[in-house]
Amino acid sequence: MGANFSARSSDASLNIKEVTMRKNLFLSALLWFGASTLLGQDPVKVDPKHYKLEFENSQVRVLRITYGPHEKSVMHEHPAGVAVFLTDQNGKFTLADGKSEERGGKAGEARWLPAEKHLPENLSEKPLELILVEVKTRRAAAKPATK
């Protein structure tokens, strides 16, 4: 009976260790997923007040971006794309490295923008509006079209 008790005790100990290891693995995976999500912030999800999805297919995603006077967003990122300014622009962009720069544009201008992580702020007394056409990579092109 003593030998059986020892074997059972050992089995229970192994099961507890296995459960603990699985729990730790699950928590690590959850933490990694959460961190990777934070690193790649989609502006439509993290700032729906300013970013509205107008159109999306396997090659592009089109966003309408609107900011009231002196409104500020949160840190997010965009792939490379084309911006079409619907109003005059005067903004401050704080970049991922903490540096900031002022950028502007005139209504009617279209401009190529490289991929970037930033926190934008409208410095103007007037609202700003633009359309951003984000270009998707070939890997993302496998997704079905949505609006």
Protein backbone atom coordinates (compact mmCIF):
# COMPACT_ATOMS: atom_id res chain seq x y z
CA MET A 1 0.00 0.00 0.00
CA GLY A 2 2.88 2.37 0.77
CA ALA A 3 4.37 1.85 -2.71
CA ASN A 4 1.04 2.59 -4.35
CA PHE A 5 0.63 5.75 -2.31
CA SER A 6 4.10 6.88 -3.45
CA ALA A 7 3.26 6.23 -7.09
CA ARG A 8 -0.04 8.08 -6.80
CA SER A 9 1.60 10.97 -5.04
CA SER A 10 4.23 11.15 -7.78
CA ASP A 11 1.52 11.03 -10.50
CA ALA A 12 -0.42 13.83 -8.81
CA SER A 13 2.75 15.89 -8.53
CA LEU A 14 3.41 15.41 -12.26
CA ASN A 15 -0.15 16.43 -13.11
CA ILE A 16 0.13 19.59 -11.02
CA LYS A 17 3.43 20.46 -12.74
CA GLU A 18 1.89 19.78 -16.16
CA VAL A 19 -1.13 21.98 -15.41
CA THR A 20 1.14 24.74 -14.10
CA MET A 21 3.34 24.55 -17.21
CA ARG A 22 0.32 24.67 -19.52
CA LYS A 23 -1.13 27.61 -17.60
CA ASN A 24 2.19 29.48 -17.84
CA LEU A 25 2.46 28.70 -21.55
CA PHE A 26 -1.09 29.95 -22.13
CA LEU A 27 -0.45 33.16 -20.17
CA SER A 28 2.82 33.75 -22.06
CA ALA A 29 1.05 33.32 -25.40
CA LEU A 30 -1.72 35.68 -24.29
CA LEU A 31 0.82 38.28 -23.18
CA TRP A 32 2.76 37.98 -26.46
CA PHE A 33 -0.44 38.35 -28.50
CA GLY A 34 -1.50 41.39 -26.47
CA ALA A 35 1.91 43.02 -26.85
CA SER A 36 2.01 42.39 -30.59
CA THR A 37 -1.48 43.86 -30.92
CA LEU A 38 -0.39 46.98 -29.07
CA LEU A 39 2.67 47.35 -31.28
CA GLY A 40 0.57 47.29 -34.46
CA GLN A 41 -2.29 49.61 -33.55
CA ASP A 42 -4.99 49.89 -36.23
CA PRO A 43 -6.33 53.48 -36.17
CA VAL A 44 -9.87 52.34 -37.07
CA LYS A 45 -9.93 50.18 -33.93
CA VAL A 46 -8.06 52.40 -31.47
CA ASP A 47 -9.47 55.76 -32.63
CA PRO A 48 -12.85 55.31 -34.37
CA LYS A 49 -13.75 58.94 -33.60
CA HIS A 50 -11.19 60.12 -36.18
CA TYR A 51 -10.79 57.12 -38.53
CA LYS A 52 -13.63 55.62 -40.57
CA LEU A 53 -13.29 52.70 -42.96
CA GLU A 54 -14.84 53.71 -46.31
CA PHE A 55 -13.77 50.78 -48.48
CA GLU A 56 -11.56 47.70 -48.32
CA ASN A 57 -10.57 44.93 -50.70
CA SER A 58 -7.57 42.64 -51.15
CA GLN A 59 -5.33 45.46 -52.41
CA VAL A 60 -6.29 48.67 -50.59
CA ARG A 61 -8.02 50.01 -47.53
CA VAL A 62 -9.57 53.49 -47.80
CA LEU A 63 -9.96 55.59 -44.65
CA ARG A 64 -11.73 58.89 -44.10
CA ILE A 65 -9.83 60.84 -41.47
CA THR A 66 -11.44 63.80 -39.67
CA TYR A 67 -10.15 65.86 -36.75
CA GLY A 68 -11.80 68.80 -35.05
CA PRO A 69 -9.75 71.87 -34.13
CA HIS A 70 -6.83 70.93 -31.85
CA GLU A 71 -7.94 67.29 -31.58
CA LYS A 72 -5.33 64.62 -30.95
CA SER A 73 -5.28 60.88 -31.68
CA VAL A 74 -3.45 57.99 -30.02
CA MET A 75 -0.30 56.21 -31.18
CA HIS A 76 -1.13 54.00 -34.18
CA GLU A 77 0.37 52.97 -37.49
CA HIS A 78 -0.37 52.93 -41.20
CA PRO A 79 1.13 51.01 -44.10
CA ALA A 80 2.37 53.07 -47.06
CA GLY A 81 -0.34 54.85 -49.02
CA VAL A 82 -1.68 57.96 -50.72
CA ALA A 83 -3.27 60.84 -48.79
CA VAL A 84 -5.72 63.17 -50.53
CA PHE A 85 -6.29 66.35 -48.51
CA LEU A 86 -9.91 67.54 -48.55
CA THR A 87 -9.11 70.56 -46.37
CA ASP A 88 -5.94 72.51 -45.61
CA GLN A 89 -3.81 70.67 -43.06
CA ASN A 90 -1.55 71.81 -40.25
CA GLY A 91 -0.60 68.99 -37.91
CA LYS A 92 1.98 67.78 -35.46
CA PHE A 93 3.10 64.15 -35.65
CA THR A 94 4.80 62.51 -32.68
CA LEU A 95 6.73 59.50 -33.99
CA ALA A 96 7.38 56.15 -32.31
CA ASP A 97 10.87 57.28 -31.25
CA GLY A 98 9.42 60.29 -29.39
CA LYS A 99 10.51 62.90 -31.95
CA SER A 100 7.85 65.17 -33.39
CA GLU A 101 7.48 67.20 -36.56
CA GLU A 102 4.95 69.59 -38.05
CA ARG A 103 3.43 68.75 -41.42
CA GLY A 104 0.97 70.54 -43.62
CA GLY A 105 -0.84 70.33 -46.92
CA LYS A 106 -3.34 72.17 -49.07
CA ALA A 107 -6.85 71.06 -49.98
CA GLY A 108 -6.75 69.11 -53.26
CA GLU A 109 -3.16 67.87 -52.85
CA ALA A 110 -2.36 64.18 -53.11
CA ARG A 111 0.80 62.85 -51.51
CA TRP A 112 2.57 59.49 -51.11
CA LEU A 113 3.15 58.58 -47.45
CA PRO A 114 5.58 55.88 -46.32
CA ALA A 115 4.53 53.37 -43.65
CA GLU A 116 4.73 55.00 -40.23
CA LYS A 117 3.78 54.75 -36.58
CA HIS A 118 2.69 58.11 -35.16
CA LEU A 119 0.41 60.14 -32.92
CA PRO A 120 -1.16 63.01 -34.93
CA GLU A 121 -2.61 66.27 -33.63
CA ASN A 122 -4.52 68.96 -35.53
CA LEU A 123 -2.80 72.29 -34.75
CA SER A 124 -5.39 74.33 -36.63
CA GLU A 125 -8.42 76.30 -35.44
CA LYS A 126 -10.37 74.53 -38.21
CA PRO A 127 -11.36 70.89 -38.70
CA LEU A 128 -9.27 68.80 -41.09
CA GLU A 129 -10.34 66.00 -43.39
CA LEU A 130 -8.49 63.68 -45.73
CA ILE A 131 -8.82 60.37 -47.51
CA LEU A 132 -6.03 57.86 -46.97
CA VAL A 133 -5.64 54.95 -49.40
CA GLU A 134 -3.51 52.34 -47.63
CA VAL A 135 -1.77 49.87 -49.93
CA LYS A 136 -1.88 46.26 -48.74
CA THR A 137 1.00 43.84 -49.08
CA ARG A 138 0.68 40.75 -51.26
CA ARG A 139 0.39 38.60 -48.12
CA ALA A 140 -2.69 40.54 -47.02
CA ALA A 141 -4.23 40.24 -50.49
CA ALA A 142 -5.63 36.79 -49.63
CA LYS A 143 -8.37 38.37 -47.47
CA PRO A 144 -11.88 38.68 -48.99
CA ALA A 145 -13.24 42.11 -49.89
CA THR A 146 -15.22 43.99 -47.23
CA LYS A 147 -16.54 47.48 -46.66
